[in-house]
Amino acid sequence: MVFNMIWTSTLETLYMVFFSTLFSLIIGFPIGILLTVTKEGNILEKPKLNKILDFVINTLRSFPFIILMILLFPLSRIIVGTTIGSTAAIVPLSISAAPFVARMIEGALNEVDKGLIEASSSMGADNWTIIFKVMIPETMPHIIHGITVTVVSLIGFSAMAGTIGAGGLGDLAIRFGYQRFKTDIMIYAVLVIIVVVQLLQSLGNYLVYRTKKNR
């Protein structure tokens, strides 16, 4: 019975983390690109837009996750019809991770050599070509590393979300392990989280290594 509970909770955690990572990338990736290219002196220089995006990202990042999740309960109800369960938790998880992804993409793209961008522009490359054929491929190892850090962070967030009904390993550790004084279940849940984090971090490190090697 304990094994079944741990297995089910692990699948719930992986489900939340996978889709929240996917949606946070869909939201955060283009914002990160815009944050980079709209800065003064960059290829799509728009200082006002850049300041607006910067303010929004900083504001969202300033919210503690638990508070943000509670504030987003109405949005979760609108999108998935409920505020409880793994599916409902994907909404606040995605929104909380999106600003982090945006900053991660911005930081990676800022590492691109300006001379490389200028050279591409002088050869007739348009802005989209510079972004998707030069900037992103050039910083792919940094991007993969950032995505790995995001995934690991989302595992921690999903565990916190379990304290307010999101399910997963955090819910198992708190509701069954801590509140019912079943220390063994709490320890098992924590050990599984550690193993999952180690495996995902190792996979991310391997992908970074392969990307650097193939450049």
C-alpha atoms as a PDB file:
ATOM      1  CA  MET A   1       0.000   0.000   0.000  1.00  0.00           C
ATOM      2  CA  VAL A   2       2.818   2.405   0.871  1.00  0.00           C
ATOM      3  CA  PHE A   3       4.521   1.648  -2.446  1.00  0.00           C
ATOM      4  CA  ASN A   4       1.311   2.394  -4.359  1.00  0.00           C
ATOM      5  CA  MET A   5       0.903   5.703  -2.538  1.00  0.00           C
ATOM      6  CA  ILE A   6       4.484   6.720  -3.285  1.00  0.00           C
ATOM      7  CA  TRP A   7       4.210   5.620  -6.920  1.00  0.00           C
ATOM      8  CA  THR A   8       0.965   7.525  -7.465  1.00  0.00           C
ATOM      9  CA  SER A   9       2.351  10.647  -5.770  1.00  0.00           C
ATOM     10  CA  THR A  10       5.541  10.457  -7.833  1.00  0.00           C
ATOM     11  CA  LEU A  11       3.526  10.305 -11.053  1.00  0.00           C
ATOM     12  CA  GLU A  12       1.467  13.301  -9.888  1.00  0.00           C
ATOM     13  CA  THR A  13       4.635  15.275  -9.187  1.00  0.00           C
ATOM     14  CA  LEU A  14       6.159  14.398 -12.565  1.00  0.00           C
ATOM     15  CA  TYR A  15       2.862  15.305 -14.252  1.00  0.00           C
ATOM     16  CA  MET A  16       2.791  18.731 -12.576  1.00  0.00           C
ATOM     17  CA  VAL A  17       6.456  19.424 -13.256  1.00  0.00           C
ATOM     18  CA  PHE A  18       6.344  18.343 -16.908  1.00  0.00           C
ATOM     19  CA  PHE A  19       3.373  20.481 -17.911  1.00  0.00           C
ATOM     20  CA  SER A  20       4.313  23.465 -15.757  1.00  0.00           C
ATOM     21  CA  THR A  21       7.790  23.403 -17.321  1.00  0.00           C
ATOM     22  CA  LEU A  22       6.253  23.232 -20.790  1.00  0.00           C
ATOM     23  CA  PHE A  23       3.835  26.103 -20.202  1.00  0.00           C
ATOM     24  CA  SER A  24       6.393  28.244 -18.369  1.00  0.00           C
ATOM     25  CA  LEU A  25       8.714  27.870 -21.368  1.00  0.00           C
ATOM     26  CA  ILE A  26       5.909  28.801 -23.752  1.00  0.00           C
ATOM     27  CA  ILE A  27       5.236  31.949 -21.709  1.00  0.00           C
ATOM     28  CA  GLY A  28       8.722  32.830 -20.515  1.00  0.00           C
ATOM     29  CA  PHE A  29      10.860  32.047 -23.576  1.00  0.00           C
ATOM     30  CA  PRO A  30       9.439  34.746 -25.861  1.00  0.00           C
ATOM     31  CA  ILE A  31       9.390  37.261 -22.990  1.00  0.00           C
ATOM     32  CA  GLY A  32      13.062  36.533 -22.322  1.00  0.00           C
ATOM     33  CA  ILE A  33      13.859  37.106 -25.983  1.00  0.00           C
ATOM     34  CA  LEU A  34      11.943  40.395 -25.951  1.00  0.00           C
ATOM     35  CA  LEU A  35      13.714  41.498 -22.781  1.00  0.00           C
ATOM     36  CA  THR A  36      17.021  41.015 -24.576  1.00  0.00           C
ATOM     37  CA  VAL A  37      16.379  42.395 -28.049  1.00  0.00           C
ATOM     38  CA  THR A  38      14.400  45.462 -26.919  1.00  0.00           C
ATOM     39  CA  LYS A  39      17.208  46.824 -24.737  1.00  0.00           C
ATOM     40  CA  GLU A  40      18.995  49.980 -25.839  1.00  0.00           C
ATOM     41  CA  GLY A  41      21.515  49.189 -28.533  1.00  0.00           C
ATOM     42  CA  ASN A  42      20.001  45.826 -29.469  1.00  0.00           C
ATOM     43  CA  ILE A  43      18.385  44.769 -32.708  1.00  0.00           C
ATOM     44  CA  LEU A  44      14.769  45.668 -31.765  1.00  0.00           C
ATOM     45  CA  GLU A  45      15.476  48.618 -29.499  1.00  0.00           C
ATOM     46  CA  LYS A  46      12.273  49.618 -27.672  1.00  0.00           C
ATOM     47  CA  PRO A  47      13.159  51.058 -24.235  1.00  0.00           C
ATOM     48  CA  LYS A  48       9.546  51.669 -23.124  1.00  0.00           C
ATOM     49  CA  LEU A  49       8.462  48.108 -23.898  1.00  0.00           C
ATOM     50  CA  ASN A  50      11.580  46.810 -22.209  1.00  0.00           C
ATOM     51  CA  LYS A  51      10.838  48.767 -19.022  1.00  0.00           C
ATOM     52  CA  ILE A  52       7.244  47.491 -18.948  1.00  0.00           C
ATOM     53  CA  LEU A  53       8.355  43.881 -19.360  1.00  0.00           C
ATOM     54  CA  ASP A  54      11.074  44.357 -16.777  1.00  0.00           C
ATOM     55  CA  PHE A  55       8.567  45.747 -14.263  1.00  0.00           C
ATOM     56  CA  VAL A  56       6.068  42.921 -14.837  1.00  0.00           C
ATOM     57  CA  ILE A  57       8.744  40.221 -14.483  1.00  0.00           C
ATOM     58  CA  ASN A  58      10.165  41.769 -11.311  1.00  0.00           C
ATOM     59  CA  THR A  59       6.678  42.101  -9.826  1.00  0.00           C
ATOM     60  CA  LEU A  60       5.778  38.463 -10.469  1.00  0.00           C
ATOM     61  CA  ARG A  61       9.121  37.259  -9.139  1.00  0.00           C
ATOM     62  CA  SER A  62       8.606  39.182  -5.905  1.00  0.00           C
ATOM     63  CA  PHE A  63       5.578  37.082  -4.889  1.00  0.00           C
ATOM     64  CA  PRO A  64       6.275  34.077  -2.623  1.00  0.00           C
ATOM     65  CA  PHE A  65       4.960  30.984  -4.378  1.00  0.00           C
ATOM     66  CA  ILE A  66       2.390  30.015  -1.748  1.00  0.00           C
ATOM     67  CA  ILE A  67       0.853  33.503  -1.819  1.00  0.00           C
ATOM     68  CA  LEU A  68       0.869  33.570  -5.625  1.00  0.00           C
ATOM     69  CA  MET A  69      -0.807  30.165  -5.746  1.00  0.00           C
ATOM     70  CA  ILE A  70      -3.606  31.361  -3.453  1.00  0.00           C
ATOM     71  CA  LEU A  71      -4.049  34.540  -5.502  1.00  0.00           C
ATOM     72  CA  LEU A  72      -4.318  32.453  -8.676  1.00  0.00           C
ATOM     73  CA  PHE A  73      -7.027  30.134  -7.324  1.00  0.00           C
ATOM     74  CA  PRO A  74      -9.733  32.001  -9.297  1.00  0.00           C
ATOM     75  CA  LEU A  75      -7.703  31.658 -12.509  1.00  0.00           C
ATOM     76  CA  SER A  76      -7.187  27.937 -11.860  1.00  0.00           C
ATOM     77  CA  ARG A  77     -10.932  27.553 -11.373  1.00  0.00           C
ATOM     78  CA  ILE A  78     -11.630  29.364 -14.655  1.00  0.00           C
ATOM     79  CA  ILE A  79      -9.103  27.318 -16.657  1.00  0.00           C
ATOM     80  CA  VAL A  80      -9.491  23.809 -15.203  1.00  0.00           C
ATOM     81  CA  GLY A  81     -12.695  24.101 -13.185  1.00  0.00           C
ATOM     82  CA  THR A  82     -11.168  23.467  -9.762  1.00  0.00           C
ATOM     83  CA  THR A  83      -8.521  24.758  -7.359  1.00  0.00           C
ATOM     84  CA  ILE A  84      -7.593  21.355  -5.917  1.00  0.00           C
ATOM     85  CA  GLY A  85      -5.440  18.645  -7.463  1.00  0.00           C
ATOM     86  CA  SER A  86      -2.417  18.289  -9.682  1.00  0.00           C
ATOM     87  CA  THR A  87      -4.021  19.782 -12.794  1.00  0.00           C
ATOM     88  CA  ALA A  88      -5.142  22.910 -10.935  1.00  0.00           C
ATOM     89  CA  ALA A  89      -1.610  23.360  -9.552  1.00  0.00           C
ATOM     90  CA  ILE A  90      -0.145  23.536 -13.062  1.00  0.00           C
ATOM     91  CA  VAL A  91      -1.609  27.030 -13.535  1.00  0.00           C
ATOM     92  CA  PRO A  92       0.196  28.767 -10.639  1.00  0.00           C
ATOM     93  CA  LEU A  93       3.302  26.626 -11.129  1.00  0.00           C
ATOM     94  CA  SER A  94       3.553  27.741 -14.758  1.00  0.00           C
ATOM     95  CA  ILE A  95       2.948  31.402 -13.982  1.00  0.00           C
ATOM     96  CA  SER A  96       5.413  31.411 -11.082  1.00  0.00           C
ATOM     97  CA  ALA A  97       8.139  29.778 -13.198  1.00  0.00           C
ATOM     98  CA  ALA A  98       7.594  31.886 -16.334  1.00  0.00           C
ATOM     99  CA  PRO A  99       9.380  35.018 -14.975  1.00  0.00           C
ATOM    100  CA  PHE A 100      12.288  32.839 -13.886  1.00  0.00           C
ATOM    101  CA  VAL A 101      12.464  31.356 -17.390  1.00  0.00           C
ATOM    102  CA  ALA A 102      12.336  34.837 -18.917  1.00  0.00           C
ATOM    103  CA  ARG A 103      15.267  36.023 -16.805  1.00  0.00           C
ATOM    104  CA  MET A 104      17.157  32.837 -17.563  1.00  0.00           C
ATOM    105  CA  ILE A 105      16.703  33.308 -21.316  1.00  0.00           C
ATOM    106  CA  GLU A 106      17.618  36.976 -21.032  1.00  0.00           C
ATOM    107  CA  GLY A 107      20.798  36.124 -19.139  1.00  0.00           C
ATOM    108  CA  ALA A 108      21.785  33.470 -21.662  1.00  0.00           C
ATOM    109  CA  LEU A 109      21.167  35.673 -24.711  1.00  0.00           C
ATOM    110  CA  ASN A 110      23.087  38.559 -23.159  1.00  0.00           C
ATOM    111  CA  GLU A 111      26.174  36.347 -23.349  1.00  0.00           C
ATOM    112  CA  VAL A 112      26.146  36.406 -27.156  1.00  0.00           C
ATOM    113  CA  ASP A 113      29.081  38.323 -28.582  1.00  0.00           C
ATOM    114  CA  LYS A 114      27.831  41.653 -29.980  1.00  0.00           C
ATOM    115  CA  GLY A 115      30.366  41.347 -32.774  1.00  0.00           C
ATOM    116  CA  LEU A 116      28.697  38.114 -33.921  1.00  0.00           C
ATOM    117  CA  ILE A 117      25.327  39.852 -34.077  1.00  0.00           C
ATOM    118  CA  GLU A 118      26.786  42.804 -35.981  1.00  0.00           C
ATOM    119  CA  ALA A 119      28.526  40.474 -38.411  1.00  0.00           C
ATOM    120  CA  SER A 120      25.279  38.589 -39.077  1.00  0.00           C
ATOM    121  CA  SER A 121      23.417  41.853 -39.611  1.00  0.00           C
ATOM    122  CA  SER A 122      26.051  43.165 -42.004  1.00  0.00           C
ATOM    123  CA  MET A 123      25.677  39.966 -44.070  1.00  0.00           C
ATOM    124  CA  GLY A 124      21.979  40.716 -44.579  1.00  0.00           C
ATOM    125  CA  ALA A 125      20.408  38.576 -41.845  1.00  0.00           C
ATOM    126  CA  ASP A 126      17.074  39.928 -40.613  1.00  0.00           C
ATOM    127  CA  ASN A 127      16.161  40.160 -36.935  1.00  0.00           C
ATOM    128  CA  TRP A 128      14.337  36.821 -36.786  1.00  0.00           C
ATOM    129  CA  THR A 129      17.289  35.070 -38.403  1.00  0.00           C
ATOM    130  CA  ILE A 130      19.677  36.657 -35.913  1.00  0.00           C
ATOM    131  CA  ILE A 131      17.512  35.548 -32.992  1.00  0.00           C
ATOM    132  CA  PHE A 132      16.770  31.975 -34.072  1.00  0.00           C
ATOM    133  CA  LYS A 133      19.840  31.151 -36.154  1.00  0.00           C
ATOM    134  CA  VAL A 134      22.547  32.996 -34.228  1.00  0.00           C
ATOM    135  CA  MET A 135      21.620  33.997 -30.684  1.00  0.00           C
ATOM    136  CA  ILE A 136      19.686  30.932 -29.516  1.00  0.00           C
ATOM    137  CA  PRO A 137      22.024  28.287 -31.032  1.00  0.00           C
ATOM    138  CA  GLU A 138      25.040  30.176 -29.695  1.00  0.00           C
ATOM    139  CA  THR A 139      23.720  30.069 -26.125  1.00  0.00           C
ATOM    140  CA  MET A 140      21.994  26.666 -26.196  1.00  0.00           C
ATOM    141  CA  PRO A 141      24.182  25.117 -23.430  1.00  0.00           C
ATOM    142  CA  HIS A 142      23.284  28.019 -21.117  1.00  0.00           C
ATOM    143  CA  ILE A 143      19.610  27.666 -22.027  1.00  0.00           C
ATOM    144  CA  ILE A 144      19.596  23.924 -21.323  1.00  0.00           C
ATOM    145  CA  HIS A 145      21.306  24.541 -17.996  1.00  0.00           C
ATOM    146  CA  GLY A 146      18.698  27.181 -17.149  1.00  0.00           C
ATOM    147  CA  ILE A 147      15.839  24.848 -18.072  1.00  0.00           C
ATOM    148  CA  THR A 148      17.340  22.180 -15.822  1.00  0.00           C
ATOM    149  CA  VAL A 149      17.472  24.634 -12.922  1.00  0.00           C
ATOM    150  CA  THR A 150      13.854  25.584 -13.662  1.00  0.00           C
ATOM    151  CA  VAL A 151      12.721  21.947 -13.574  1.00  0.00           C
ATOM    152  CA  VAL A 152      14.488  21.335 -10.267  1.00  0.00           C
ATOM    153  CA  SER A 153      12.930  24.502  -8.819  1.00  0.00           C
ATOM    154  CA  LEU A 154       9.487  23.394  -9.985  1.00  0.00           C
ATOM    155  CA  ILE A 155       9.901  20.110  -8.130  1.00  0.00           C
ATOM    156  CA  GLY A 156      10.386  22.150  -4.962  1.00  0.00           C
ATOM    157  CA  PHE A 157       7.413  24.368  -5.814  1.00  0.00           C
ATOM    158  CA  SER A 158       5.226  21.323  -6.487  1.00  0.00           C
ATOM    159  CA  ALA A 159       6.134  19.974  -3.050  1.00  0.00           C
ATOM    160  CA  MET A 160       5.038  23.289  -1.489  1.00  0.00           C
ATOM    161  CA  ALA A 161       1.857  23.213  -3.555  1.00  0.00           C
ATOM    162  CA  GLY A 162       1.099  19.850  -1.971  1.00  0.00           C
ATOM    163  CA  THR A 163       0.535  21.623   1.345  1.00  0.00           C
ATOM    164  CA  ILE A 164      -2.635  23.245  -0.042  1.00  0.00           C
ATOM    165  CA  GLY A 165      -4.140  20.339  -1.900  1.00  0.00           C
ATOM    166  CA  ALA A 166      -2.122  19.983  -5.092  1.00  0.00           C
ATOM    167  CA  GLY A 167      -1.262  16.321  -4.586  1.00  0.00           C
ATOM    168  CA  GLY A 168       2.121  14.805  -5.373  1.00  0.00           C
ATOM    169  CA  LEU A 169       5.003  13.925  -3.100  1.00  0.00           C
ATOM    170  CA  GLY A 170       4.705  17.120  -1.051  1.00  0.00           C
ATOM    171  CA  ASP A 171       1.087  16.340  -0.231  1.00  0.00           C
ATOM    172  CA  LEU A 172       2.041  12.764   0.672  1.00  0.00           C
ATOM    173  CA  ALA A 173       4.854  13.893   2.965  1.00  0.00           C
ATOM    174  CA  ILE A 174       2.726  16.509   4.757  1.00  0.00           C
ATOM    175  CA  ARG A 175      -0.727  14.915   4.887  1.00  0.00           C
ATOM    176  CA  PHE A 176       0.206  11.275   5.420  1.00  0.00           C
ATOM    177  CA  GLY A 177       3.733  11.539   6.777  1.00  0.00           C
ATOM    178  CA  TYR A 178       3.759  14.580   9.050  1.00  0.00           C
ATOM    179  CA  GLN A 179       0.122  15.061  10.072  1.00  0.00           C
ATOM    180  CA  ARG A 180      -0.501  11.357  10.694  1.00  0.00           C
ATOM    181  CA  PHE A 181       2.875  10.838  12.363  1.00  0.00           C
ATOM    182  CA  LYS A 182       4.010   8.268   9.781  1.00  0.00           C
ATOM    183  CA  THR A 183       7.648   9.232   9.650  1.00  0.00           C
ATOM    184  CA  ASP A 184       8.527   6.413   7.269  1.00  0.00           C
ATOM    185  CA  ILE A 185       6.200   7.760   4.562  1.00  0.00           C
ATOM    186  CA  MET A 186       7.641  11.260   4.962  1.00  0.00           C
ATOM    187  CA  ILE A 187      11.180   9.907   4.658  1.00  0.00           C
ATOM    188  CA  TYR A 188      10.279   7.837   1.580  1.00  0.00           C
ATOM    189  CA  ALA A 189       8.692  10.878  -0.084  1.00  0.00           C
ATOM    190  CA  VAL A 190      11.758  13.021   0.593  1.00  0.00           C
ATOM    191  CA  LEU A 191      14.086  10.292  -0.697  1.00  0.00           C
ATOM    192  CA  VAL A 192      12.078   9.974  -3.914  1.00  0.00           C
ATOM    193  CA  ILE A 193      12.237  13.753  -4.420  1.00  0.00           C
ATOM    194  CA  ILE A 194      16.017  13.638  -3.927  1.00  0.00           C
ATOM    195  CA  VAL A 195      16.364  10.792  -6.449  1.00  0.00           C
ATOM    196  CA  VAL A 196      14.171  12.558  -9.026  1.00  0.00           C
ATOM    197  CA  VAL A 197      16.149  15.792  -8.647  1.00  0.00           C
ATOM    198  CA  GLN A 198      19.469  13.951  -9.008  1.00  0.00           C
ATOM    199  CA  LEU A 199      18.297  12.124 -12.126  1.00  0.00           C
ATOM    200  CA  LEU A 200      16.958  15.259 -13.796  1.00  0.00           C
ATOM    201  CA  GLN A 201      20.050  17.279 -12.893  1.00  0.00           C
ATOM    202  CA  SER A 202      22.283  14.530 -14.295  1.00  0.00           C
ATOM    203  CA  LEU A 203      20.234  14.456 -17.494  1.00  0.00           C
ATOM    204  CA  GLY A 204      20.510  18.229 -17.804  1.00  0.00           C
ATOM    205  CA  ASN A 205      24.276  18.135 -17.241  1.00  0.00           C
ATOM    206  CA  TYR A 206      24.614  15.433 -19.886  1.00  0.00           C
ATOM    207  CA  LEU A 207      22.610  17.448 -22.429  1.00  0.00           C
ATOM    208  CA  VAL A 208      24.745  20.511 -21.735  1.00  0.00           C
ATOM    209  CA  TYR A 209      27.899  18.436 -22.241  1.00  0.00           C
ATOM    210  CA  ARG A 210      26.602  16.936 -25.507  1.00  0.00           C
ATOM    211  CA  THR A 211      25.535  20.353 -26.803  1.00  0.00           C
ATOM    212  CA  LYS A 212      28.938  21.869 -26.097  1.00  0.00           C
ATOM    213  CA  LYS A 213      30.688  18.880 -27.667  1.00  0.00           C
ATOM    214  CA  ASN A 214      28.621  19.070 -30.879  1.00  0.00           C
ATOM    215  CA  ARG A 215      29.204  22.786 -31.453  1.00  0.00           C
END
